[in-house]
């Protein structure tokens, strides 16, 4: 399974490009703060012009913080996100309900 860097630089942009209307339907801006070796900070904009941007571009409605190891776990099994959240390994700030919509893009 790809690490966080590969996911945000290659895979997620490809999924968004394949079906931008599906991305726009989510209609939110997410900020991912991933710690660890392949970590980084990325803004995933699923509004007017869906895309993935390096760094914090501002206006995030939902921020998710986790380690690169936990990111790989979520990538392999999006259902694991809830377990990680309740275990305190996935921190969600802002509108947490938006995070549930991410499965449509990540899954």
N, C-alpha and C. Protein backbone atom coordinates (compact mmCIF):
# COMPACT_ATOMS: atom_id res chain seq x y z
N UNK A 1 0.84 -1.19 0.00
CA UNK A 1 0.00 0.00 0.00
C UNK A 1 0.88 1.24 0.00
N UNK A 2 0.48 2.27 -0.71
CA UNK A 2 1.32 3.47 -0.82
C UNK A 2 1.36 4.25 0.50
N UNK A 3 2.46 4.96 0.68
CA UNK A 3 2.58 5.81 1.86
C UNK A 3 1.78 7.10 1.64
N UNK A 4 1.75 7.94 2.65
CA UNK A 4 0.95 9.16 2.59
C UNK A 4 1.39 10.07 1.43
N UNK A 5 2.69 10.24 1.29
CA UNK A 5 3.21 11.12 0.24
C UNK A 5 2.72 10.68 -1.15
N UNK A 6 2.82 9.39 -1.42
CA UNK A 6 2.36 8.85 -2.70
C UNK A 6 0.86 9.04 -2.86
N UNK A 7 0.12 8.80 -1.79
CA UNK A 7 -1.33 8.97 -1.85
C UNK A 7 -1.72 10.38 -2.23
N UNK A 8 -1.13 11.37 -1.56
CA UNK A 8 -1.52 12.76 -1.78
C UNK A 8 -0.93 13.37 -3.05
N UNK A 9 0.20 12.84 -3.50
CA UNK A 9 0.82 13.41 -4.70
C UNK A 9 0.38 12.72 -5.98
N UNK A 10 -0.07 11.47 -5.88
CA UNK A 10 -0.41 10.71 -7.08
C UNK A 10 -1.82 10.15 -7.07
N UNK A 11 -2.12 9.32 -6.08
CA UNK A 11 -3.37 8.55 -6.11
C UNK A 11 -4.64 9.38 -5.93
N UNK A 12 -4.67 10.22 -4.89
CA UNK A 12 -5.88 11.02 -4.65
C UNK A 12 -6.12 12.01 -5.80
N UNK A 13 -5.08 12.72 -6.28
CA UNK A 13 -5.32 13.60 -7.44
C UNK A 13 -5.87 12.84 -8.65
N UNK A 14 -5.40 11.60 -8.86
CA UNK A 14 -5.88 10.80 -10.00
C UNK A 14 -7.35 10.45 -9.82
N UNK A 15 -7.75 10.10 -8.59
CA UNK A 15 -9.15 9.76 -8.33
C UNK A 15 -10.04 10.99 -8.53
N UNK A 16 -9.56 12.15 -8.08
CA UNK A 16 -10.34 13.39 -8.25
C UNK A 16 -10.47 13.72 -9.73
N UNK A 17 -9.37 13.60 -10.47
CA UNK A 17 -9.38 13.93 -11.90
C UNK A 17 -10.31 13.00 -12.68
N UNK A 18 -10.40 11.75 -12.24
CA UNK A 18 -11.22 10.76 -12.93
C UNK A 18 -12.71 11.11 -12.84
N UNK A 19 -13.12 11.66 -11.71
CA UNK A 19 -14.54 11.99 -11.52
C UNK A 19 -14.69 13.26 -10.68
N UNK A 20 -14.36 14.43 -11.28
CA UNK A 20 -14.41 15.68 -10.53
C UNK A 20 -15.81 16.00 -9.97
N UNK A 21 -16.85 15.57 -10.66
CA UNK A 21 -18.21 15.85 -10.18
C UNK A 21 -18.49 15.13 -8.86
N UNK A 22 -17.99 13.92 -8.74
CA UNK A 22 -18.15 13.16 -7.50
C UNK A 22 -17.44 13.90 -6.36
N UNK A 23 -16.26 14.46 -6.65
CA UNK A 23 -15.51 15.22 -5.65
C UNK A 23 -16.27 16.47 -5.25
N UNK A 24 -16.79 17.19 -6.25
CA UNK A 24 -17.53 18.43 -5.98
C UNK A 24 -18.77 18.16 -5.13
N UNK A 25 -19.35 16.97 -5.28
CA UNK A 25 -20.55 16.62 -4.51
C UNK A 25 -20.26 16.60 -3.01
N UNK A 26 -19.01 16.30 -2.64
CA UNK A 26 -18.63 16.32 -1.22
C UNK A 26 -18.62 17.76 -0.72
N UNK A 27 -18.14 18.67 -1.56
CA UNK A 27 -18.24 20.10 -1.29
C UNK A 27 -17.59 20.60 -0.03
N UNK A 28 -16.37 20.18 0.23
CA UNK A 28 -15.67 20.63 1.44
C UNK A 28 -14.17 20.69 1.20
N UNK A 29 -13.48 21.40 2.08
CA UNK A 29 -12.02 21.49 2.02
C UNK A 29 -11.46 20.82 3.27
N UNK A 30 -10.54 19.88 3.05
CA UNK A 30 -9.94 19.11 4.13
C UNK A 30 -8.46 19.43 4.24
N UNK A 31 -7.97 19.41 5.47
CA UNK A 31 -6.53 19.57 5.71
C UNK A 31 -6.04 18.29 6.38
N UNK A 32 -5.02 17.69 5.80
CA UNK A 32 -4.42 16.48 6.36
C UNK A 32 -3.05 16.83 6.91
N UNK A 33 -2.84 16.53 8.18
CA UNK A 33 -1.53 16.71 8.82
C UNK A 33 -1.05 15.32 9.20
N UNK A 34 -0.10 14.83 8.41
CA UNK A 34 0.38 13.47 8.59
C UNK A 34 1.81 13.52 9.11
N UNK A 35 2.03 12.90 10.27
CA UNK A 35 3.37 12.89 10.85
C UNK A 35 4.07 11.59 10.48
N UNK A 36 5.39 11.59 10.60
CA UNK A 36 6.16 10.39 10.29
C UNK A 36 7.01 10.58 9.05
N UNK A 37 7.70 9.53 8.69
CA UNK A 37 8.68 9.57 7.61
C UNK A 37 8.12 10.05 6.28
N UNK A 38 6.95 9.56 5.88
CA UNK A 38 6.39 9.96 4.59
C UNK A 38 5.26 10.98 4.78
N UNK A 39 5.27 11.63 5.92
CA UNK A 39 4.20 12.58 6.24
C UNK A 39 4.36 13.92 5.55
N UNK A 40 3.46 14.80 5.90
CA UNK A 40 3.44 16.14 5.34
C UNK A 40 2.09 16.76 5.62
N UNK A 41 1.87 17.92 5.04
CA UNK A 41 0.60 18.60 5.19
C UNK A 41 0.03 18.85 3.81
N UNK A 42 -1.22 18.46 3.61
CA UNK A 42 -1.86 18.63 2.31
C UNK A 42 -3.28 19.15 2.49
N UNK A 43 -3.69 20.00 1.57
CA UNK A 43 -5.06 20.48 1.51
C UNK A 43 -5.75 19.74 0.37
N UNK A 44 -6.90 19.14 0.67
CA UNK A 44 -7.69 18.45 -0.35
C UNK A 44 -8.95 19.29 -0.53
N UNK A 45 -9.02 19.97 -1.66
CA UNK A 45 -10.14 20.87 -1.95
C UNK A 45 -11.15 20.12 -2.82
N UNK A 46 -12.33 19.90 -2.26
CA UNK A 46 -13.38 19.18 -2.99
C UNK A 46 -14.56 20.12 -3.23
N UNK A 47 -14.22 21.33 -3.67
CA UNK A 47 -15.27 22.32 -3.95
C UNK A 47 -15.26 22.68 -5.44
N UNK A 48 -15.11 23.96 -5.74
CA UNK A 48 -15.20 24.45 -7.12
C UNK A 48 -14.21 23.79 -8.07
N UNK A 49 -12.93 23.81 -7.70
CA UNK A 49 -11.89 23.20 -8.53
C UNK A 49 -11.20 22.13 -7.72
N UNK A 50 -11.76 20.91 -7.71
CA UNK A 50 -11.21 19.86 -6.85
C UNK A 50 -9.75 19.55 -7.16
N UNK A 51 -8.97 19.37 -6.09
CA UNK A 51 -7.57 19.03 -6.26
C UNK A 51 -6.87 18.87 -4.93
N UNK A 52 -5.60 18.47 -4.99
CA UNK A 52 -4.78 18.28 -3.80
C UNK A 52 -3.62 19.26 -3.89
N UNK A 53 -3.39 19.98 -2.79
CA UNK A 53 -2.36 21.01 -2.77
C UNK A 53 -1.45 20.80 -1.57
N UNK A 54 -0.15 20.96 -1.78
CA UNK A 54 0.79 20.78 -0.68
C UNK A 54 0.66 21.95 0.30
N UNK A 55 0.75 21.63 1.58
CA UNK A 55 0.68 22.66 2.62
C UNK A 55 -0.74 23.02 3.00
N UNK A 56 -0.84 23.94 3.95
CA UNK A 56 -2.14 24.41 4.44
C UNK A 56 -2.54 25.61 3.59
N UNK A 57 -3.55 25.42 2.75
CA UNK A 57 -4.00 26.48 1.84
C UNK A 57 -5.05 27.38 2.50
N UNK A 58 -5.40 27.08 3.74
CA UNK A 58 -6.40 27.87 4.45
C UNK A 58 -7.80 27.41 4.11
N UNK A 59 -8.77 27.89 4.86
CA UNK A 59 -10.19 27.61 4.64
C UNK A 59 -10.61 26.16 4.84
N UNK A 60 -9.78 25.34 5.51
CA UNK A 60 -10.17 23.94 5.74
C UNK A 60 -11.36 23.89 6.70
N UNK A 61 -12.34 23.08 6.33
CA UNK A 61 -13.52 22.91 7.17
C UNK A 61 -13.36 21.71 8.10
N UNK A 62 -12.43 20.83 7.75
CA UNK A 62 -12.19 19.63 8.55
C UNK A 62 -10.70 19.31 8.48
N UNK A 63 -10.07 19.19 9.64
CA UNK A 63 -8.64 18.87 9.70
C UNK A 63 -8.47 17.50 10.33
N UNK A 64 -7.66 16.67 9.67
CA UNK A 64 -7.38 15.33 10.18
C UNK A 64 -5.89 15.21 10.45
N UNK A 65 -5.56 14.73 11.66
CA UNK A 65 -4.17 14.53 12.04
C UNK A 65 -3.95 13.07 12.40
N UNK A 66 -2.91 12.47 11.81
CA UNK A 66 -2.58 11.09 12.09
C UNK A 66 -1.16 10.79 11.63
N UNK A 67 -0.67 9.60 11.96
CA UNK A 67 0.68 9.22 11.54
C UNK A 67 0.61 8.58 10.15
N UNK A 68 1.77 8.53 9.49
CA UNK A 68 1.81 7.89 8.17
C UNK A 68 1.45 6.41 8.26
N UNK A 69 1.81 5.74 9.36
CA UNK A 69 1.45 4.33 9.53
C UNK A 69 -0.07 4.16 9.60
N UNK A 70 -0.72 5.06 10.35
CA UNK A 70 -2.18 4.98 10.45
C UNK A 70 -2.85 5.35 9.12
N UNK A 71 -2.21 6.24 8.36
CA UNK A 71 -2.74 6.58 7.03
C UNK A 71 -2.77 5.34 6.14
N UNK A 72 -1.69 4.55 6.16
CA UNK A 72 -1.64 3.33 5.35
C UNK A 72 -2.77 2.39 5.78
N UNK A 73 -2.99 2.30 7.08
CA UNK A 73 -4.06 1.44 7.60
C UNK A 73 -5.43 1.89 7.06
N UNK A 74 -5.67 3.20 7.07
CA UNK A 74 -6.94 3.73 6.56
C UNK A 74 -7.05 3.52 5.05
N UNK A 75 -5.93 3.67 4.35
CA UNK A 75 -5.93 3.46 2.90
C UNK A 75 -6.31 2.03 2.54
N UNK A 76 -5.81 1.09 3.33
CA UNK A 76 -6.11 -0.32 3.08
C UNK A 76 -7.52 -0.67 3.50
N UNK A 77 -8.01 -0.03 4.57
CA UNK A 77 -9.32 -0.35 5.12
C UNK A 77 -9.95 0.94 5.66
N UNK A 78 -10.69 1.69 4.79
CA UNK A 78 -11.28 2.95 5.24
C UNK A 78 -12.14 2.81 6.50
N UNK A 79 -12.66 1.63 6.74
CA UNK A 79 -13.46 1.41 7.95
C UNK A 79 -12.63 1.51 9.23
N UNK A 80 -11.32 1.41 9.11
CA UNK A 80 -10.44 1.49 10.28
C UNK A 80 -10.39 2.90 10.86
N UNK A 81 -10.83 3.88 10.10
CA UNK A 81 -10.77 5.28 10.55
C UNK A 81 -11.52 5.47 11.87
N UNK A 82 -12.69 4.86 12.01
CA UNK A 82 -13.46 5.02 13.24
C UNK A 82 -12.71 4.42 14.43
N UNK A 83 -12.10 3.24 14.22
CA UNK A 83 -11.35 2.61 15.31
C UNK A 83 -10.17 3.50 15.72
N UNK A 84 -9.47 4.05 14.74
CA UNK A 84 -8.33 4.93 15.03
C UNK A 84 -8.80 6.19 15.74
N UNK A 85 -9.95 6.70 15.33
CA UNK A 85 -10.51 7.90 15.95
C UNK A 85 -10.80 7.63 17.43
N UNK A 86 -11.49 6.54 17.71
CA UNK A 86 -11.86 6.23 19.09
C UNK A 86 -10.65 5.83 19.93
N UNK A 87 -9.58 5.38 19.28
CA UNK A 87 -8.34 5.03 19.99
C UNK A 87 -7.48 6.27 20.22
N UNK A 88 -7.92 7.42 19.68
CA UNK A 88 -7.18 8.66 19.85
C UNK A 88 -6.01 8.82 18.89
N UNK A 89 -5.93 7.94 17.87
CA UNK A 89 -4.83 8.00 16.91
C UNK A 89 -5.16 8.88 15.70
N UNK A 90 -6.44 9.14 15.50
CA UNK A 90 -6.88 10.01 14.41
C UNK A 90 -7.60 11.18 15.07
N UNK A 91 -7.03 12.37 14.91
CA UNK A 91 -7.63 13.56 15.50
C UNK A 91 -8.36 14.32 14.40
N UNK A 92 -9.59 14.71 14.69
CA UNK A 92 -10.41 15.43 13.72
C UNK A 92 -10.84 16.75 14.35
N UNK A 93 -10.56 17.85 13.66
CA UNK A 93 -10.98 19.17 14.12
C UNK A 93 -11.90 19.79 13.08
N UNK A 94 -12.77 20.66 13.52
CA UNK A 94 -13.70 21.29 12.59
C UNK A 94 -14.94 20.42 12.47
N UNK A 95 -15.51 20.37 11.28
CA UNK A 95 -16.74 19.63 11.04
C UNK A 95 -16.42 18.14 10.85
N UNK A 96 -16.52 17.38 11.93
CA UNK A 96 -16.16 15.96 11.90
C UNK A 96 -17.07 15.15 10.97
N UNK A 97 -18.30 15.60 10.79
CA UNK A 97 -19.22 14.87 9.90
C UNK A 97 -18.71 14.84 8.47
N UNK A 98 -17.97 15.87 8.07
CA UNK A 98 -17.41 15.90 6.72
C UNK A 98 -16.43 14.75 6.51
N UNK A 99 -15.72 14.37 7.57
CA UNK A 99 -14.73 13.30 7.46
C UNK A 99 -15.38 12.00 6.99
N UNK A 100 -16.63 11.79 7.37
CA UNK A 100 -17.31 10.54 6.96
C UNK A 100 -17.50 10.49 5.44
N UNK A 101 -17.54 11.64 4.79
CA UNK A 101 -17.72 11.69 3.34
C UNK A 101 -16.43 11.35 2.57
N UNK A 102 -15.30 11.41 3.26
CA UNK A 102 -14.02 11.17 2.60
C UNK A 102 -13.90 9.77 2.01
N UNK A 103 -14.63 8.82 2.58
CA UNK A 103 -14.55 7.45 2.10
C UNK A 103 -14.88 7.36 0.62
N UNK A 104 -15.73 8.27 0.14
CA UNK A 104 -16.11 8.28 -1.28
C UNK A 104 -14.90 8.54 -2.18
N UNK A 105 -13.93 9.29 -1.67
CA UNK A 105 -12.73 9.60 -2.46
C UNK A 105 -11.61 8.62 -2.14
N UNK A 106 -11.45 8.27 -0.86
CA UNK A 106 -10.35 7.43 -0.45
C UNK A 106 -10.60 5.96 -0.72
N UNK A 107 -11.87 5.55 -0.60
CA UNK A 107 -12.21 4.14 -0.71
C UNK A 107 -12.14 3.60 -2.11
